[in-house]
Amino acid sequence: RRILKANLVRMGVTNAAVFDALGEELPFKERSFDKILLDGPCSSEGTFRRADTRKRKGGNFIKYNKDFRRNLQTIQFSLLSKAVALLKPGGSLVYSTCTYDPDENEGQVNRVLNEFPQMKLVPTELGSVIEEKLVPGCTSYEGAEFDPSLVNSLRVYPHKLNSIGFYLARFIKLK
């Protein structure tokens, strides 16, 4: 929370509030927001390039057990569901993680598309200099087929952008 507040001040953001609460339980009325950024809790596979992360996590993401990862996916979808409810029609929801795991990325986005027909996945426009270094989201994984519009989501790989690994998807709420 402290780091987020510091970054908001550093960037000159004046129209943001930081809450210390469970996102699924935020006490706002439905359809309250025009834009929502949901940087979801994740297994953080994309940060393993950083030496401090490797040291902290033992350098081996396989140590994360399946129950832990399944629980993360439950939390991610609960947060996404709450975000859909809080978003105004015509509003924009950006979902991001710092993991490569399609179950936490494309799988969650695909589930939103299946369970909330008012949500549409749209391209994220970041500018051609950056976009040419990004990879479209997966449309299938381990035998599961995802909505074809998942090509509109983006994967950031460290070797292409000298960064951590990252995933990004942008929705518009139609009604």
Protein backbone atom coordinates (compact mmCIF):
# COMPACT_ATOMS: atom_id res chain seq x y z
CA ARG A 1 0.00 0.00 0.00
CA ARG A 2 2.79 2.41 0.89
CA ILE A 3 4.64 1.77 -2.39
CA LEU A 4 1.47 2.21 -4.43
CA LYS A 5 0.72 5.52 -2.73
CA ALA A 6 4.31 6.69 -3.32
CA ASN A 7 4.09 5.80 -7.01
CA LEU A 8 0.77 7.61 -7.39
CA VAL A 9 2.30 10.76 -5.87
CA ARG A 10 5.46 10.40 -7.96
CA MET A 11 3.39 10.11 -11.16
CA GLY A 12 1.18 13.06 -10.25
CA VAL A 13 -2.01 10.99 -10.07
CA THR A 14 -4.65 12.97 -8.23
CA ASN A 15 -7.80 10.99 -8.96
CA ALA A 16 -6.97 7.68 -7.26
CA ALA A 17 -7.71 6.20 -3.86
CA VAL A 18 -5.90 3.32 -2.16
CA PHE A 19 -7.87 0.96 0.10
CA ASP A 20 -6.64 -1.69 2.48
CA ALA A 21 -9.47 -4.19 2.10
CA LEU A 22 -10.40 -7.36 0.27
CA GLY A 23 -11.25 -6.35 -3.28
CA GLU A 24 -14.17 -8.75 -3.41
CA GLU A 25 -15.73 -6.88 -0.46
CA LEU A 26 -15.28 -3.26 -1.55
CA PRO A 27 -18.43 -1.40 -0.46
CA PHE A 28 -19.14 0.50 -3.68
CA LYS A 29 -22.43 0.52 -5.58
CA GLU A 30 -22.62 -1.53 -8.76
CA ARG A 31 -21.82 0.41 -11.92
CA SER A 32 -19.80 3.01 -10.01
CA PHE A 33 -16.61 3.16 -12.10
CA ASP A 34 -15.69 4.15 -15.65
CA LYS A 35 -12.28 2.47 -15.51
CA ILE A 36 -10.84 -0.30 -13.36
CA LEU A 37 -7.28 -1.63 -13.27
CA LEU A 38 -7.14 -5.05 -11.64
CA ASP A 39 -3.58 -6.19 -11.10
CA GLY A 40 -4.52 -9.58 -9.73
CA PRO A 41 -2.70 -11.66 -7.16
CA CYS A 42 -0.77 -14.34 -9.00
CA SER A 43 1.94 -16.97 -8.75
CA SER A 44 4.49 -14.33 -9.90
CA GLU A 45 6.33 -16.57 -12.36
CA GLY A 46 7.12 -13.50 -14.43
CA THR A 47 9.26 -12.02 -11.65
CA PHE A 48 11.69 -14.93 -11.36
CA ARG A 49 14.16 -13.14 -13.57
CA ARG A 50 14.89 -10.78 -10.69
CA ALA A 51 17.56 -12.09 -8.34
CA ASP A 52 15.73 -10.94 -5.20
CA THR A 53 12.62 -12.89 -6.23
CA ARG A 54 14.59 -16.05 -6.98
CA LYS A 55 16.23 -15.84 -3.59
CA ARG A 56 12.95 -15.21 -1.78
CA LYS A 57 11.03 -17.98 -3.56
CA GLY A 58 13.83 -20.51 -3.71
CA GLY A 59 14.22 -20.06 -7.47
CA ASN A 60 11.75 -22.81 -8.31
CA PHE A 61 8.11 -22.07 -9.12
CA ILE A 62 7.33 -25.80 -9.03
CA LYS A 63 7.45 -25.48 -5.24
CA TYR A 64 4.14 -23.65 -5.49
CA ASN A 65 1.67 -26.43 -4.89
CA LYS A 66 -1.47 -26.98 -6.95
CA ASP A 67 -3.80 -26.02 -4.08
CA PHE A 68 -2.06 -22.65 -3.76
CA ARG A 69 -2.41 -22.00 -7.48
CA ARG A 70 -6.04 -23.16 -7.53
CA ASN A 71 -6.80 -20.82 -4.63
CA LEU A 72 -5.21 -17.93 -6.54
CA GLN A 73 -7.45 -18.67 -9.51
CA THR A 74 -10.52 -18.59 -7.25
CA ILE A 75 -9.46 -15.21 -5.85
CA GLN A 76 -8.67 -13.87 -9.32
CA PHE A 77 -12.11 -14.75 -10.64
CA SER A 78 -13.84 -13.34 -7.54
CA LEU A 79 -11.99 -10.06 -8.09
CA LEU A 80 -12.84 -10.06 -11.80
CA SER A 81 -16.52 -10.72 -11.01
CA LYS A 82 -16.57 -7.82 -8.55
CA ALA A 83 -14.86 -5.57 -11.10
CA VAL A 84 -17.48 -6.45 -13.73
CA ALA A 85 -20.24 -5.56 -11.26
CA LEU A 86 -18.58 -2.23 -10.35
CA LEU A 87 -17.96 -1.19 -13.96
CA LYS A 88 -20.37 1.16 -15.74
CA PRO A 89 -21.65 0.22 -19.21
CA GLY A 90 -19.12 1.52 -21.73
CA GLY A 91 -16.43 1.31 -19.06
CA SER A 92 -13.01 -0.29 -19.41
CA LEU A 93 -11.50 -3.04 -17.24
CA VAL A 94 -7.81 -3.91 -17.53
CA TYR A 95 -6.73 -7.23 -15.97
CA SER A 96 -3.03 -7.89 -15.46
CA THR A 97 -0.75 -10.36 -13.73
CA CYS A 98 3.00 -10.95 -13.52
CA THR A 99 2.79 -14.64 -14.38
CA TYR A 100 3.03 -16.77 -17.51
CA ASP A 101 0.43 -19.31 -16.34
CA PRO A 102 -2.44 -19.46 -18.87
CA ASP A 103 -4.74 -20.74 -16.11
CA GLU A 104 -4.24 -17.42 -14.31
CA ASN A 105 -4.29 -15.32 -17.48
CA GLU A 106 -6.17 -16.47 -20.57
CA GLY A 107 -8.17 -19.01 -18.55
CA GLN A 108 -9.52 -16.26 -16.30
CA VAL A 109 -10.23 -13.92 -19.23
CA ASN A 110 -11.97 -16.72 -21.11
CA ARG A 111 -14.13 -17.44 -18.07
CA VAL A 112 -15.14 -13.77 -17.84
CA LEU A 113 -16.14 -13.84 -21.51
CA ASN A 114 -18.18 -17.01 -20.96
CA GLU A 115 -19.92 -15.93 -17.75
CA PHE A 116 -20.42 -12.24 -18.48
CA PRO A 117 -21.71 -11.79 -22.05
CA GLN A 118 -21.76 -8.01 -21.55
CA MET A 119 -17.95 -8.05 -21.48
CA LYS A 120 -15.94 -7.81 -24.69
CA LEU A 121 -12.18 -8.26 -24.98
CA VAL A 122 -10.64 -5.47 -27.05
CA PRO A 123 -7.11 -4.66 -28.21
CA THR A 124 -4.91 -2.66 -25.88
CA GLU A 125 -3.22 0.15 -27.75
CA LEU A 126 0.25 0.74 -26.34
CA GLY A 127 1.98 2.16 -29.40
CA SER A 128 3.74 0.30 -32.18
CA VAL A 129 7.23 0.53 -30.63
CA ILE A 130 6.13 -1.55 -27.63
CA GLU A 131 3.45 -3.64 -29.34
CA GLU A 132 5.91 -5.17 -31.80
CA LYS A 133 7.79 -6.64 -28.82
CA LEU A 134 4.70 -8.25 -27.27
CA VAL A 135 3.04 -11.57 -27.98
CA PRO A 136 -0.72 -12.12 -28.41
CA GLY A 137 -2.52 -14.14 -25.76
CA CYS A 138 -2.99 -17.90 -26.17
CA THR A 139 -6.18 -19.22 -27.75
CA SER A 140 -5.61 -22.77 -26.47
CA TYR A 141 -3.74 -24.45 -23.65
CA GLU A 142 -3.39 -28.11 -22.66
CA GLY A 143 -6.34 -29.14 -24.80
CA ALA A 144 -8.62 -26.29 -23.71
CA GLU A 145 -9.82 -23.94 -26.45
CA PHE A 146 -10.27 -20.28 -25.54
CA ASP A 147 -12.32 -17.56 -27.17
CA PRO A 148 -10.56 -16.42 -30.38
CA SER A 149 -10.63 -12.81 -29.14
CA LEU A 150 -7.89 -13.73 -26.65
CA VAL A 151 -5.43 -12.73 -29.37
CA ASN A 152 -6.34 -9.20 -28.21
CA SER A 153 -4.68 -9.85 -24.86
CA LEU A 154 -0.93 -9.42 -24.53
CA ARG A 155 1.98 -11.36 -23.08
CA VAL A 156 5.21 -9.63 -22.15
CA TYR A 157 8.29 -11.83 -22.18
CA PRO A 158 11.47 -10.62 -20.45
CA HIS A 159 13.78 -11.44 -23.33
CA LYS A 160 11.76 -9.25 -25.69
CA LEU A 161 11.31 -6.14 -23.54
CA ASN A 162 14.03 -6.39 -20.86
CA SER A 163 11.41 -6.55 -18.14
CA ILE A 164 9.62 -9.00 -15.93
CA GLY A 165 7.04 -11.33 -17.48
CA PHE A 166 3.56 -9.88 -17.60
CA TYR A 167 0.06 -10.43 -18.96
CA LEU A 168 -2.51 -7.81 -19.92
CA ALA A 169 -6.13 -7.96 -21.12
CA ARG A 170 -8.58 -5.10 -21.69
CA PHE A 171 -12.35 -5.43 -21.59
CA ILE A 172 -15.17 -3.06 -22.44
CA LYS A 173 -18.55 -3.50 -20.74
CA LEU A 174 -21.18 -3.35 -23.46
CA LYS A 175 -24.33 -2.97 -21.32
